[in-house]
Amino acid sequence: MTATAFWILYTYLLLATLHLLLFSIAGIFYRQERRTDSPDRRRRFAVLIPAYREDSVILATARHSIRQLYPEDLYDVIVIADSLQPETVRELRSIPVSVLEVSFDNSSKARSLNEAAGAVTRDYDAVVIIDADNLMEERFLEKANACLDTGFRVLQAHRTAKNTSTPVALLDAASEEINNHLFRKGRRALGLPSALIGSGIVMDRALYSELIPNLKTVGEDKELERMLLKKRMTTGYLDDTLVLDEKVSRSEVFQKQRTRWLGTQWQMLSETLPKLPAELLLRGNISYADKVLQMLFPPRLLLLGGSIILTALALTGIAGPVQLFWVGLLLLQVATFAIALPRSFRTVKFLRAALQVPGLFLRMVRALLSSPGSGKTFIHTPHDDHSTTRKDNV
């Protein structure tokens, strides 16, 4: 490796690490979004659940969604049924929840949400978007309503794992919580908008009607976030408002899911990077610039795995006599993730699960190689059949 190539690579990885370290430290100082003790009014919510071939999980989700500690006449659960079995649709209608049946040549969550825009009329004040495998805590609508009273028009709830029975699921759950610390707690602590996840989103109804019809990609959460950043709108984060989400249990599903995510990242980067000079220099849009940086840097697993390999090569002399640079970089990354990892994951079980990381790193490399162009095609992530579901705090 030439000296020039070394410094380019090292500087890139160092900047990516420092960017994460900043949010990791900031996340320690996060404070819950303010909410009113006595809300001015109780809003009427539309809870939207896009469901594409989700017959195995949608019934349980729908039944759980109607058990909110919120006036029954002030919220409706609407399942957007795409390619569900007829018997599943019949059971949904008997729960009862509203069912909006849709059909597309090329299905995507964005198309389903767009189709539902017509059902979200002025009768509703706000919209909640959850996935077909999500379980909202029973006070979800109550907490969201109180926070909307403080002026937010968009909120992101705390999505957390409902299954950690396999090593891959446990690692996926830990990754979700690290993301929550870095890109939701950390960003809000610095006064930046919370990053969106794709579910557990609360939106003002008028804003939903304005933005959702403009969604064009399969990475609807990233596209929606980009629209909000261009409008310089702040997304709040409700760390104490839980949505349980099914984590991937098998490494091959992990690869499939990450291929879709990386494809979306490439696509969003290609669309946001050209607009960066205007947003940053002419409008002073720091939040937009930060989001571009996040997409420009590698995912955490690739960052950490690549740094471990380069450090090992440096220590054996193959990468040159600059071992301290690589060791220092690796220690910074370990510190970053150690700060962001919740205490509940610092267990022997988690350390055993960590033995799966090398295999997942290779899966991630394959996902990276397969990702160009995948952001334009919807890739469905299958769900496993879990006989037990975590019910605490829900």
Protein backbone atom coordinates (compact mmCIF):
# COMPACT_ATOMS: atom_id res chain seq x y z
CA MET A 1 0.00 0.00 0.00
CA THR A 2 1.44 3.37 -1.02
CA ALA A 3 1.66 6.19 1.51
CA THR A 4 -1.01 8.17 -0.36
CA ALA A 5 -3.43 5.23 -0.48
CA PHE A 6 -2.81 4.53 3.19
CA TRP A 7 -3.63 8.06 4.29
CA ILE A 8 -6.74 8.26 2.12
CA LEU A 9 -8.07 4.98 3.52
CA TYR A 10 -7.06 5.75 7.08
CA THR A 11 -8.55 9.26 7.00
CA TYR A 12 -11.84 7.92 5.62
CA LEU A 13 -12.12 5.26 8.33
CA LEU A 14 -11.03 7.69 11.05
CA LEU A 15 -13.66 10.26 10.05
CA ALA A 16 -16.32 7.54 10.00
CA THR A 17 -15.24 6.45 13.49
CA LEU A 18 -15.13 9.98 14.94
CA HIS A 19 -18.57 10.68 13.47
CA LEU A 20 -19.99 7.70 15.37
CA LEU A 21 -17.99 8.50 18.53
CA LEU A 22 -19.49 12.01 18.63
CA PHE A 23 -23.04 10.65 18.66
CA SER A 24 -22.12 7.84 21.07
CA ILE A 25 -20.90 10.34 23.67
CA ALA A 26 -23.78 12.73 22.97
CA GLY A 27 -26.32 9.93 23.47
CA ILE A 28 -25.32 9.74 27.13
CA PHE A 29 -26.83 13.21 27.62
CA TYR A 30 -30.14 12.53 25.88
CA ARG A 31 -33.24 13.74 27.70
CA GLN A 32 -36.76 12.51 26.96
CA GLU A 33 -38.79 14.80 24.71
CA ARG A 34 -41.06 17.10 26.66
CA ARG A 35 -44.74 16.17 26.77
CA THR A 36 -47.69 17.86 28.41
CA ASP A 37 -49.11 16.40 31.61
CA SER A 38 -52.65 17.35 30.56
CA PRO A 39 -52.93 17.27 26.74
CA ASP A 40 -54.89 20.11 25.18
CA ARG A 41 -56.88 17.59 23.21
CA ARG A 42 -57.05 13.93 22.36
CA ARG A 43 -56.20 13.45 18.72
CA ARG A 44 -57.82 10.90 16.45
CA PHE A 45 -55.22 8.45 15.11
CA ALA A 46 -55.07 6.22 12.05
CA VAL A 47 -52.75 3.27 12.76
CA LEU A 48 -51.51 2.00 9.38
CA ILE A 49 -50.05 -1.51 9.05
CA PRO A 50 -48.71 -2.34 5.57
CA ALA A 51 -48.71 -6.13 5.20
CA TYR A 52 -47.19 -7.83 2.15
CA ARG A 53 -47.59 -11.64 2.36
CA GLU A 54 -47.47 -11.37 6.16
CA ASP A 55 -50.16 -13.97 6.90
CA SER A 56 -48.03 -15.56 9.63
CA VAL A 57 -47.81 -12.45 11.83
CA ILE A 58 -50.46 -9.91 10.83
CA LEU A 59 -53.34 -11.40 12.84
CA ALA A 60 -51.42 -11.24 16.12
CA THR A 61 -50.31 -7.69 15.34
CA ALA A 62 -53.83 -6.54 14.47
CA ARG A 63 -55.32 -8.06 17.63
CA HIS A 64 -52.64 -6.41 19.75
CA SER A 65 -53.01 -3.03 18.04
CA ILE A 66 -56.63 -2.58 19.10
CA ARG A 67 -55.71 -2.95 22.79
CA GLN A 68 -54.54 0.63 23.31
CA LEU A 69 -55.20 2.45 26.60
CA TYR A 70 -56.76 5.24 24.58
CA PRO A 71 -60.43 5.98 23.80
CA GLU A 72 -61.62 3.38 21.29
CA ASP A 73 -63.51 5.96 19.24
CA LEU A 74 -60.32 8.00 18.74
CA TYR A 75 -58.22 5.51 16.80
CA ASP A 76 -58.67 3.12 13.89
CA VAL A 77 -56.37 0.27 12.90
CA ILE A 78 -56.08 -0.04 9.12
CA VAL A 79 -54.28 -3.06 7.65
CA ILE A 80 -53.07 -2.43 4.09
CA ALA A 81 -53.40 -5.98 2.78
CA ASP A 82 -51.11 -6.73 -0.16
CA SER A 83 -51.20 -10.37 -1.33
CA LEU A 84 -52.69 -11.73 1.89
CA GLN A 85 -54.65 -14.99 1.78
CA PRO A 86 -58.47 -14.59 1.58
CA GLU A 87 -58.94 -16.40 4.90
CA THR A 88 -56.47 -14.00 6.56
CA VAL A 89 -58.45 -11.01 5.25
CA ARG A 90 -61.70 -12.53 6.56
CA GLU A 91 -60.17 -13.03 10.01
CA LEU A 92 -58.83 -9.48 10.04
CA ARG A 93 -62.27 -8.07 9.33
CA SER A 94 -63.70 -10.08 12.24
CA ILE A 95 -61.18 -8.77 14.82
CA PRO A 96 -62.36 -6.09 13.87
CA VAL A 97 -59.95 -3.81 12.06
CA SER A 98 -60.32 -1.97 8.78
CA VAL A 99 -58.77 -3.73 5.80
CA LEU A 100 -57.63 -1.93 2.67
CA GLU A 101 -56.87 -4.54 0.00
CA VAL A 102 -54.28 -3.45 -2.56
CA SER A 103 -52.48 -5.07 -5.48
CA PHE A 104 -49.42 -3.88 -7.41
CA ASP A 105 -47.29 -5.21 -10.26
CA ASN A 106 -44.26 -4.35 -8.12
CA SER A 107 -45.17 -4.24 -4.45
CA SER A 108 -43.48 -1.93 -1.97
CA LYS A 109 -44.26 -0.38 1.38
CA ALA A 110 -44.18 3.08 -0.23
CA ARG A 111 -46.91 2.08 -2.69
CA SER A 112 -49.05 0.68 0.11
CA LEU A 113 -48.70 3.83 2.20
CA ASN A 114 -49.47 5.95 -0.84
CA GLU A 115 -52.59 3.91 -1.55
CA ALA A 116 -53.70 4.42 2.04
CA ALA A 117 -53.37 8.21 1.75
CA GLY A 118 -56.93 8.35 0.44
CA ALA A 119 -58.20 6.58 3.56
CA VAL A 120 -56.43 9.01 5.87
CA THR A 121 -59.01 11.77 5.63
CA ARG A 122 -59.45 14.96 7.59
CA ASP A 123 -61.29 12.90 10.21
CA TYR A 124 -57.84 11.97 11.54
CA ASP A 125 -55.38 14.28 13.28
CA ALA A 126 -52.34 12.01 13.18
CA VAL A 127 -51.04 8.81 11.60
CA VAL A 128 -49.00 5.97 13.09
CA ILE A 129 -47.00 3.63 10.83
CA ILE A 130 -45.94 0.21 12.12
CA ASP A 131 -44.81 -2.97 10.40
CA ALA A 132 -46.82 -6.17 10.19
CA ASP A 133 -44.70 -7.85 12.90
CA ASN A 134 -44.71 -4.89 15.33
CA LEU A 135 -46.39 -4.70 18.72
CA MET A 136 -47.10 -1.25 20.17
CA GLU A 137 -47.05 -0.79 23.92
CA GLU A 138 -50.52 -0.14 25.30
CA ARG A 139 -49.82 3.53 26.14
CA PHE A 140 -48.29 4.27 22.73
CA LEU A 141 -51.07 6.57 21.47
CA GLU A 142 -51.44 8.29 24.83
CA LYS A 143 -47.72 9.15 24.98
CA ALA A 144 -47.58 10.21 21.32
CA ASN A 145 -50.62 12.44 21.75
CA ALA A 146 -49.05 14.23 24.73
CA CYS A 147 -45.80 14.82 22.84
CA LEU A 148 -47.57 16.15 19.74
CA ASP A 149 -48.98 18.85 22.03
CA THR A 150 -45.48 20.33 22.36
CA GLY A 151 -45.22 21.19 18.67
CA PHE A 152 -43.65 18.15 17.00
CA ARG A 153 -45.21 17.05 13.72
CA VAL A 154 -43.10 13.88 13.39
CA LEU A 155 -42.01 11.45 16.10
CA GLN A 156 -39.98 8.26 16.09
CA ALA A 157 -40.79 5.74 18.82
CA HIS A 158 -38.28 3.37 20.39
CA ARG A 159 -38.21 0.21 18.30
CA THR A 160 -36.77 -2.72 20.20
CA ALA A 161 -36.53 -6.48 19.80
CA LYS A 162 -39.32 -8.90 20.67
CA ASN A 163 -37.16 -11.99 19.96
CA THR A 164 -33.57 -12.74 20.96
CA SER A 165 -33.72 -16.54 20.95
CA THR A 166 -30.93 -17.10 18.41
CA PRO A 167 -27.41 -15.60 18.32
CA VAL A 168 -28.23 -13.73 15.07
CA ALA A 169 -31.45 -12.30 16.55
CA LEU A 170 -29.58 -11.21 19.70
CA LEU A 171 -26.89 -9.46 17.63
CA ASP A 172 -29.56 -7.83 15.46
CA ALA A 173 -31.31 -6.62 18.61
CA ALA A 174 -28.05 -5.16 19.92
CA SER A 175 -27.46 -3.44 16.58
CA GLU A 176 -30.93 -1.86 16.79
CA GLU A 177 -30.21 -0.50 20.28
CA ILE A 178 -26.83 0.87 19.23
CA ASN A 179 -28.59 2.64 16.36
CA ASN A 180 -31.12 4.05 18.82
CA HIS A 181 -28.30 5.43 20.95
CA LEU A 182 -26.26 6.87 18.08
CA PHE A 183 -28.80 8.15 15.58
CA ARG A 184 -31.77 8.90 17.80
CA LYS A 185 -30.54 9.72 21.30
CA GLY A 186 -27.23 11.14 20.08
CA ARG A 187 -28.74 13.26 17.34
CA ARG A 188 -31.47 14.66 19.57
CA ALA A 189 -28.94 15.46 22.33
CA LEU A 190 -27.08 17.62 19.78
CA GLY A 191 -30.29 19.30 18.64
CA LEU A 192 -30.51 17.36 15.35
CA PRO A 193 -33.61 15.47 14.16
CA SER A 194 -33.96 11.84 15.16
CA ALA A 195 -33.32 9.34 12.38
CA LEU A 196 -36.37 7.41 11.17
CA ILE A 197 -36.46 3.61 11.19
CA GLY A 198 -39.47 2.73 9.05
CA SER A 199 -41.90 1.75 11.77
CA GLY A 200 -43.04 3.29 15.03
CA ILE A 201 -43.42 6.60 13.17
CA VAL A 202 -46.02 9.17 14.23
CA MET A 203 -46.92 11.94 11.79
CA ASP A 204 -49.29 14.86 11.66
CA ARG A 205 -52.08 13.86 9.24
CA ALA A 206 -51.65 16.89 6.97
CA LEU A 207 -47.90 16.23 6.72
CA TYR A 208 -48.56 12.58 5.87
CA SER A 209 -50.95 13.60 3.09
CA GLU A 210 -48.37 16.05 1.75
CA LEU A 211 -45.27 13.84 1.75
CA ILE A 212 -46.31 10.19 1.41
CA PRO A 213 -47.62 10.52 -2.19
CA ASN A 214 -44.10 11.66 -3.17
CA LEU A 215 -42.42 8.43 -2.04
CA LYS A 216 -40.92 6.64 -5.04
CA THR A 217 -38.33 4.18 -3.68
CA VAL A 218 -38.36 0.95 -1.66
CA GLY A 219 -36.38 2.75 1.05
CA GLU A 220 -39.41 4.78 2.08
CA ASP A 221 -38.09 5.70 5.55
CA LYS A 222 -34.84 7.17 4.16
CA GLU A 223 -36.70 9.02 1.43
CA LEU A 224 -39.19 10.40 3.94
CA GLU A 225 -36.34 11.46 6.20
CA ARG A 226 -34.67 13.26 3.31
CA MET A 227 -37.90 15.19 2.61
CA LEU A 228 -38.17 16.20 6.26
CA LEU A 229 -34.52 17.32 6.38
CA LYS A 230 -35.00 19.46 3.27
CA LYS A 231 -37.99 21.06 4.98
CA ARG A 232 -35.75 21.56 8.06
CA MET A 233 -38.32 19.79 10.18
CA THR A 234 -37.31 18.29 13.52
CA THR A 235 -38.24 14.68 14.26
CA GLY A 236 -38.55 13.95 17.97
CA TYR A 237 -37.53 10.66 19.59
CA LEU A 238 -39.67 8.91 22.21
CA ASP A 239 -37.25 6.60 23.99
CA ASP A 240 -39.87 5.52 26.55
CA THR A 241 -42.50 4.63 23.92
CA LEU A 242 -41.89 1.07 22.75
CA VAL A 243 -42.62 -0.85 19.58
CA LEU A 244 -41.52 -4.47 19.63
CA ASP A 245 -40.03 -5.61 16.32
CA GLU A 246 -39.13 -9.08 15.11
CA LYS A 247 -35.39 -9.39 14.50
CA VAL A 248 -33.91 -11.68 11.87
CA SER A 249 -33.03 -15.09 13.32
CA ARG A 250 -30.92 -16.60 10.54
CA SER A 251 -27.77 -15.38 8.81
CA GLU A 252 -29.15 -15.85 5.29
CA VAL A 253 -32.13 -13.61 6.13
CA PHE A 254 -29.69 -11.12 7.66
CA GLN A 255 -27.84 -10.96 4.33
CA LYS A 256 -31.05 -10.52 2.36
CA GLN A 257 -32.22 -7.71 4.62
CA ARG A 258 -28.86 -5.90 4.56
CA THR A 259 -28.71 -6.16 0.78
CA ARG A 260 -31.93 -4.17 0.63
CA TRP A 261 -30.69 -1.65 3.20
CA LEU A 262 -27.35 -1.13 1.43
CA GLY A 263 -29.12 -0.74 -1.91
CA THR A 264 -31.28 1.97 -0.38
CA GLN A 265 -28.20 3.64 1.09
CA TRP A 266 -26.50 3.75 -2.34
CA GLN A 267 -29.62 5.15 -3.97
CA MET A 268 -30.21 7.82 -1.31
CA LEU A 269 -26.55 8.83 -1.39
CA SER A 270 -26.65 9.31 -5.16
CA GLU A 271 -29.69 11.59 -4.74
CA THR A 272 -28.59 13.57 -1.69
CA LEU A 273 -24.86 14.09 -2.32
CA PRO A 274 -25.28 16.38 -5.37
CA LYS A 275 -27.57 18.65 -3.31
CA LEU A 276 -25.16 18.85 -0.36
CA PRO A 277 -23.33 22.09 -1.38
CA ALA A 278 -26.58 24.01 -1.78
CA GLU A 279 -28.12 22.64 1.42
CA LEU A 280 -25.02 23.23 3.53
CA LEU A 281 -23.50 26.41 2.08
CA LEU A 282 -26.60 28.29 0.92
CA ARG A 283 -29.16 27.13 3.50
CA GLY A 284 -26.90 26.15 6.41
CA ASN A 285 -28.72 22.84 6.70
CA ILE A 286 -26.43 20.99 9.14
CA SER A 287 -28.90 18.14 9.65
CA TYR A 288 -28.96 17.40 5.91
CA ALA A 289 -25.15 17.43 5.76
CA ASP A 290 -24.90 15.05 8.71
CA LYS A 291 -27.30 12.61 7.04
CA VAL A 292 -25.23 12.64 3.85
CA LEU A 293 -22.12 11.88 5.93
CA GLN A 294 -23.91 8.96 7.59
CA MET A 295 -24.72 7.47 4.17
CA LEU A 296 -21.22 8.20 2.85
CA PHE A 297 -19.56 6.19 5.62
CA PRO A 298 -19.67 2.37 5.74
CA PRO A 299 -22.14 0.44 7.92
CA ARG A 300 -20.80 -0.30 11.39
CA LEU A 301 -20.21 -4.02 10.83
CA LEU A 302 -18.15 -3.35 7.70
CA LEU A 303 -16.29 -0.54 9.47
CA LEU A 304 -15.40 -2.69 12.48
CA GLY A 305 -14.65 -5.85 10.48
CA GLY A 306 -12.51 -3.99 7.97
CA SER A 307 -10.56 -2.25 10.75
CA ILE A 308 -9.91 -5.57 12.52
CA ILE A 309 -8.52 -7.06 9.32
CA LEU A 310 -6.33 -4.01 8.60
CA THR A 311 -5.07 -3.94 12.20
CA ALA A 312 -4.18 -7.63 12.03
CA LEU A 313 -2.33 -7.08 8.77
CA ALA A 314 -0.49 -4.11 10.27
CA LEU A 315 0.57 -6.09 13.33
CA THR A 316 2.02 -8.81 11.10
CA GLY A 317 3.91 -6.20 9.10
CA ILE A 318 1.99 -6.76 5.85
CA ALA A 319 0.30 -3.35 5.96
CA GLY A 320 3.44 -1.42 6.81
CA PRO A 321 5.08 -0.05 9.97
CA VAL A 322 2.12 2.03 11.14
CA GLN A 323 0.62 -0.41 13.63
CA LEU A 324 -0.21 2.25 16.23
CA PHE A 325 -2.48 4.10 13.80
CA TRP A 326 -4.59 1.00 13.18
CA VAL A 327 -4.61 -0.14 16.81
CA GLY A 328 -5.70 3.34 17.90
CA LEU A 329 -8.48 3.40 15.31
CA LEU A 330 -9.74 -0.01 16.43
CA LEU A 331 -9.74 1.04 20.09
CA LEU A 332 -11.78 4.14 19.21
CA GLN A 333 -14.36 1.94 17.49
CA VAL A 334 -14.55 -0.48 20.41
CA ALA A 335 -15.05 2.45 22.80
CA THR A 336 -17.75 3.92 20.54
CA PHE A 337 -19.81 0.74 20.44
CA ALA A 338 -19.19 -0.09 24.12
CA ILE A 339 -20.68 3.27 25.14
CA ALA A 340 -23.70 2.80 22.85
CA LEU A 341 -24.42 -0.82 23.84
CA PRO A 342 -27.06 -1.00 26.61
CA ARG A 343 -26.06 -2.70 29.85
CA SER A 344 -28.72 -5.36 29.35
CA PHE A 345 -26.62 -6.78 26.48
CA ARG A 346 -23.40 -7.01 28.47
CA THR A 347 -23.86 -10.67 29.27
CA VAL A 348 -22.16 -14.01 28.71
CA LYS A 349 -24.96 -14.92 26.30
CA PHE A 350 -24.12 -11.87 24.19
CA LEU A 351 -20.40 -12.69 24.20
CA ARG A 352 -21.23 -16.18 22.91
CA ALA A 353 -23.44 -14.68 20.23
CA ALA A 354 -20.56 -12.41 19.22
CA LEU A 355 -18.78 -15.50 17.88
CA GLN A 356 -21.20 -15.20 14.94
CA VAL A 357 -19.82 -11.77 13.99
CA PRO A 358 -17.12 -13.01 11.56
CA GLY A 359 -19.73 -14.98 9.61
CA LEU A 360 -22.09 -12.00 9.59
CA PHE A 361 -19.24 -9.79 8.39
CA LEU A 362 -18.79 -12.06 5.37
CA ARG A 363 -22.56 -11.96 4.80
CA MET A 364 -22.35 -8.18 4.94
CA VAL A 365 -19.57 -8.14 2.33
CA ARG A 366 -21.73 -10.28 0.05
CA ALA A 367 -24.65 -7.93 0.67
CA LEU A 368 -22.45 -4.98 -0.27
CA LEU A 369 -21.44 -6.64 -3.53
CA SER A 370 -25.07 -7.45 -4.33
CA SER A 371 -26.49 -4.10 -3.25
CA PRO A 372 -25.98 -1.84 -6.32
CA GLY A 373 -29.39 -1.55 -7.94
CA SER A 374 -31.21 -3.46 -5.18
CA GLY A 375 -32.59 -0.20 -3.79
CA LYS A 376 -35.00 -0.05 -6.73
CA THR A 377 -36.54 -3.48 -6.13
CA PHE A 378 -38.57 -4.51 -3.11
CA ILE A 379 -36.93 -7.44 -1.29
CA HIS A 380 -39.31 -9.09 1.16
CA THR A 381 -37.78 -10.24 4.45
CA PRO A 382 -39.54 -13.42 5.65
CA HIS A 383 -40.56 -13.84 9.28
CA ASP A 384 -39.95 -16.85 11.44
CA ASP A 385 -42.75 -18.43 13.42
CA HIS A 386 -42.06 -17.63 17.09
CA SER A 387 -44.06 -19.54 19.62
CA THR A 388 -43.23 -17.09 22.37
CA THR A 389 -43.25 -13.33 22.29
CA ARG A 390 -41.86 -10.86 24.82
CA LYS A 391 -44.79 -9.15 26.52
CA ASP A 392 -43.15 -7.05 29.23
CA ASN A 393 -43.71 -3.29 28.99
CA VAL A 394 -46.21 -3.74 26.16
